[in-house]
Amino acid sequence: MLVAPEIPHNTGCAARLAAATGLRLHLVEPLGFSLADRYLKRAGLDYWPQVELVLHADWETAARALEASSDRPLDGRLRLFSARGGASLFDCAFERDDVLVFGGESAGLPAELLAAHADRRVYVPIRPGVRSLNLANTVCLGVYTALDRSGAPMPANDGAYRAHPRASEDVRPPERVVDAGGRERA
């Protein structure tokens, strides 16, 4: 889940990762770009047919949808990624229905969200003097670490590329928006 992402390329990279792993990508508005942005489309390449993109109007709407998606309380499923404090990604245990939450590039996650769930904060270790990692890199690192640590099956890949049947179609990100239940929005 990306909360108020600002750079279309990073969100496009997260969409490509969602396609590669079979995970749903949640975006929480406001977005710093239009879903019709050509850079967003370009970063996701021809993988948009494989992306389930859920767009939420705000954090409260997203939280309600996620709360309904599991028997576990949302508070215990959140993993709030922050460049400032928490537990190292490499010291965290993950469950299969955890929700990885990443903030926008310039501001990160809202302070009130981080304060309300201080024990759910996760950071990626970096050297002093480096402000943070690129959002797309952090999302990728977080997703694959969580998949591995939770025991979730990794995508099957024999090293060959076989294009998705719809890869040649001009599928655009707004066409992939689904509701929280995975049904295409009207």
Protein backbone atom coordinates (compact mmCIF):
# COMPACT_ATOMS: atom_id res chain seq x y z
CA MET A 1 0.00 0.00 0.00
CA LEU A 2 1.32 3.41 -1.00
CA VAL A 3 -0.08 6.36 0.95
CA ALA A 4 -0.02 9.65 -1.00
CA PRO A 5 2.70 8.66 -3.48
CA GLU A 6 4.08 11.59 -5.44
CA ILE A 7 6.28 10.21 -8.20
CA PRO A 8 4.56 8.20 -10.95
CA HIS A 9 7.66 6.21 -11.80
CA ASN A 10 7.92 4.79 -8.27
CA THR A 11 4.26 3.81 -8.27
CA GLY A 12 4.69 2.23 -11.71
CA CYS A 13 7.60 0.20 -10.36
CA ALA A 14 5.43 -0.92 -7.43
CA ALA A 15 2.73 -1.93 -9.93
CA ARG A 16 5.22 -3.99 -11.88
CA LEU A 17 6.28 -5.65 -8.61
CA ALA A 18 2.61 -6.38 -7.84
CA ALA A 19 2.27 -8.04 -11.23
CA ALA A 20 5.45 -10.07 -10.66
CA THR A 21 4.36 -11.30 -7.23
CA GLY A 22 0.60 -11.59 -7.74
CA LEU A 23 -0.09 -9.09 -4.96
CA ARG A 24 -2.76 -6.39 -5.01
CA LEU A 25 -1.50 -2.79 -5.03
CA HIS A 26 -3.41 -0.32 -2.86
CA LEU A 27 -3.02 3.42 -3.42
CA VAL A 28 -4.31 5.96 -0.91
CA GLU A 29 -5.17 9.41 -2.23
CA PRO A 30 -4.18 12.11 -2.69
CA LEU A 31 -1.85 11.02 -5.47
CA GLY A 32 0.81 13.40 -6.72
CA PHE A 33 -0.04 12.46 -10.31
CA SER A 34 -2.91 11.26 -12.46
CA LEU A 35 -3.45 7.55 -13.03
CA ALA A 36 -3.41 8.47 -16.72
CA ASP A 37 0.18 9.79 -16.39
CA ARG A 38 2.38 8.46 -19.20
CA TYR A 39 5.31 7.94 -16.79
CA LEU A 40 3.15 5.73 -14.58
CA LYS A 41 2.10 3.72 -17.63
CA ARG A 42 5.69 3.51 -18.86
CA ALA A 43 7.11 2.34 -15.51
CA GLY A 44 4.53 -0.45 -15.38
CA LEU A 45 5.31 -1.39 -18.99
CA ASP A 46 3.02 -4.01 -20.47
CA TYR A 47 2.29 -5.58 -17.08
CA TRP A 48 -0.79 -3.48 -16.30
CA PRO A 49 -3.18 -6.31 -17.33
CA GLN A 50 -1.77 -8.31 -14.42
CA VAL A 51 -2.15 -5.59 -11.78
CA GLU A 52 -5.06 -5.38 -9.36
CA LEU A 53 -5.01 -1.73 -8.39
CA VAL A 54 -7.21 -0.60 -5.49
CA LEU A 55 -7.66 3.15 -5.07
CA HIS A 56 -8.79 4.51 -1.69
CA ALA A 57 -9.99 8.06 -1.13
CA ASP A 58 -8.16 8.36 2.21
CA TRP A 59 -6.56 6.33 5.01
CA GLU A 60 -9.85 5.77 6.87
CA THR A 61 -11.46 4.25 3.76
CA ALA A 62 -8.43 2.06 3.19
CA ALA A 63 -8.37 0.91 6.81
CA ARG A 64 -12.05 -0.09 6.70
CA ALA A 65 -11.51 -2.10 3.52
CA LEU A 66 -8.43 -3.83 4.91
CA GLU A 67 -10.10 -4.54 8.25
CA ALA A 68 -12.78 -6.50 6.41
CA SER A 69 -10.23 -8.53 4.44
CA SER A 70 -8.90 -10.69 7.30
CA ASP A 71 -9.91 -12.27 10.58
CA ARG A 72 -6.86 -10.69 12.20
CA PRO A 73 -7.30 -7.13 13.47
CA LEU A 74 -5.74 -4.56 11.16
CA ASP A 75 -3.65 -3.09 13.99
CA GLY A 76 -1.74 -6.38 14.22
CA ARG A 77 -1.29 -6.66 10.44
CA LEU A 78 0.17 -3.24 9.71
CA ARG A 79 3.85 -2.83 8.87
CA LEU A 80 4.52 0.89 8.54
CA PHE A 81 7.73 1.56 6.66
CA SER A 82 9.60 4.65 7.82
CA ALA A 83 13.11 5.95 7.42
CA ARG A 84 12.91 7.06 11.06
CA GLY A 85 12.82 4.42 13.75
CA GLY A 86 11.09 1.17 14.47
CA ALA A 87 12.46 -2.33 13.99
CA SER A 88 14.91 -3.28 11.28
CA LEU A 89 13.23 -5.02 8.35
CA PHE A 90 15.66 -7.87 8.90
CA ASP A 91 14.60 -8.38 12.52
CA CYS A 92 10.85 -8.51 11.78
CA ALA A 93 8.62 -11.54 11.59
CA PHE A 94 5.83 -11.34 9.01
CA GLU A 95 2.49 -13.05 8.56
CA ARG A 96 0.92 -13.78 5.17
CA ASP A 97 -1.86 -11.22 5.60
CA ASP A 98 0.33 -8.37 6.86
CA VAL A 99 -0.20 -5.04 5.13
CA LEU A 100 3.00 -3.27 4.10
CA VAL A 101 2.39 0.48 4.14
CA PHE A 102 4.73 3.00 2.53
CA GLY A 103 4.45 6.79 2.55
CA GLY A 104 4.98 9.41 -0.11
CA GLU A 105 8.47 10.26 -1.29
CA SER A 106 8.91 13.65 0.36
CA ALA A 107 6.89 13.35 3.58
CA GLY A 108 6.69 9.62 4.34
CA LEU A 109 3.72 8.36 6.31
CA PRO A 110 1.57 10.78 8.32
CA ALA A 111 3.00 11.40 11.80
CA GLU A 112 -0.34 10.56 13.46
CA LEU A 113 -0.42 7.16 11.73
CA LEU A 114 3.14 6.41 12.83
CA ALA A 115 2.39 7.55 16.39
CA ALA A 116 -0.80 5.49 16.60
CA HIS A 117 1.07 2.33 15.55
CA ALA A 118 4.58 3.01 16.85
CA ASP A 119 5.20 -0.69 17.54
CA ARG A 120 4.45 -1.54 13.88
CA ARG A 121 7.17 0.67 12.37
CA VAL A 122 9.80 -0.90 10.12
CA TYR A 123 12.95 0.63 8.68
CA VAL A 124 15.61 -0.50 6.22
CA PRO A 125 19.11 -0.04 7.65
CA ILE A 126 21.20 2.54 5.80
CA ARG A 127 24.45 4.35 6.48
CA PRO A 128 24.51 7.65 8.36
CA GLY A 129 24.34 10.66 6.08
CA VAL A 130 21.87 9.02 3.69
CA ARG A 131 18.35 10.35 4.17
CA SER A 132 16.45 7.36 2.79
CA LEU A 133 16.23 4.81 0.00
CA ASN A 134 14.15 5.29 -3.11
CA LEU A 135 10.51 4.34 -2.50
CA ALA A 136 10.42 1.74 -5.29
CA ASN A 137 13.57 0.07 -3.92
CA THR A 138 12.16 -0.01 -0.39
CA VAL A 139 8.85 -1.48 -1.59
CA CYS A 140 10.64 -4.23 -3.49
CA LEU A 141 12.95 -5.06 -0.60
CA GLY A 142 10.04 -5.05 1.87
CA VAL A 143 7.75 -7.20 -0.27
CA TYR A 144 10.25 -9.95 -1.01
CA THR A 145 11.50 -10.02 2.60
CA ALA A 146 7.93 -10.27 3.90
CA LEU A 147 7.05 -13.02 1.42
CA ASP A 148 10.12 -15.00 2.44
CA ARG A 149 9.70 -14.47 6.19
CA SER A 150 5.99 -15.27 6.17
CA GLY A 151 6.51 -18.56 4.35
CA ALA A 152 4.32 -17.39 1.46
CA PRO A 153 5.04 -19.20 -1.77
CA MET A 154 7.35 -17.34 -4.10
CA PRO A 155 6.20 -16.89 -7.68
CA ALA A 156 7.13 -19.82 -9.91
CA ASN A 157 9.69 -18.80 -12.50
CA ASP A 158 11.85 -21.03 -14.64
CA GLY A 159 13.76 -18.08 -16.10
CA ALA A 160 11.71 -17.94 -19.29
CA TYR A 161 9.50 -15.04 -20.30
CA ARG A 162 6.05 -15.75 -21.64
CA ALA A 163 4.03 -12.64 -22.34
CA HIS A 164 0.64 -12.30 -20.68
CA PRO A 165 -2.18 -12.81 -23.23
CA ARG A 166 -3.14 -9.14 -22.91
CA ALA A 167 0.42 -7.76 -22.93
CA SER A 168 0.07 -6.38 -26.46
CA GLU A 169 -3.09 -4.44 -25.57
CA ASP A 170 -2.78 -0.81 -24.55
CA VAL A 171 -4.02 -1.39 -21.01
CA ARG A 172 -3.73 1.77 -18.93
CA PRO A 173 -3.56 2.04 -15.12
CA PRO A 174 -7.05 3.59 -14.70
CA GLU A 175 -8.50 0.52 -16.43
CA ARG A 176 -7.07 -1.75 -13.71
CA VAL A 177 -8.69 -0.10 -10.70
CA VAL A 178 -10.71 -2.64 -8.72
CA ASP A 179 -12.64 -2.35 -5.48
CA ALA A 180 -11.27 -3.80 -2.25
CA GLY A 181 -12.94 -7.12 -3.10
CA GLY A 182 -11.07 -7.37 -6.42
CA ARG A 183 -14.03 -6.44 -8.64
CA GLU A 184 -13.49 -3.91 -11.41
CA ARG A 185 -14.90 -0.50 -10.56
CA ALA A 186 -17.43 1.09 -12.83
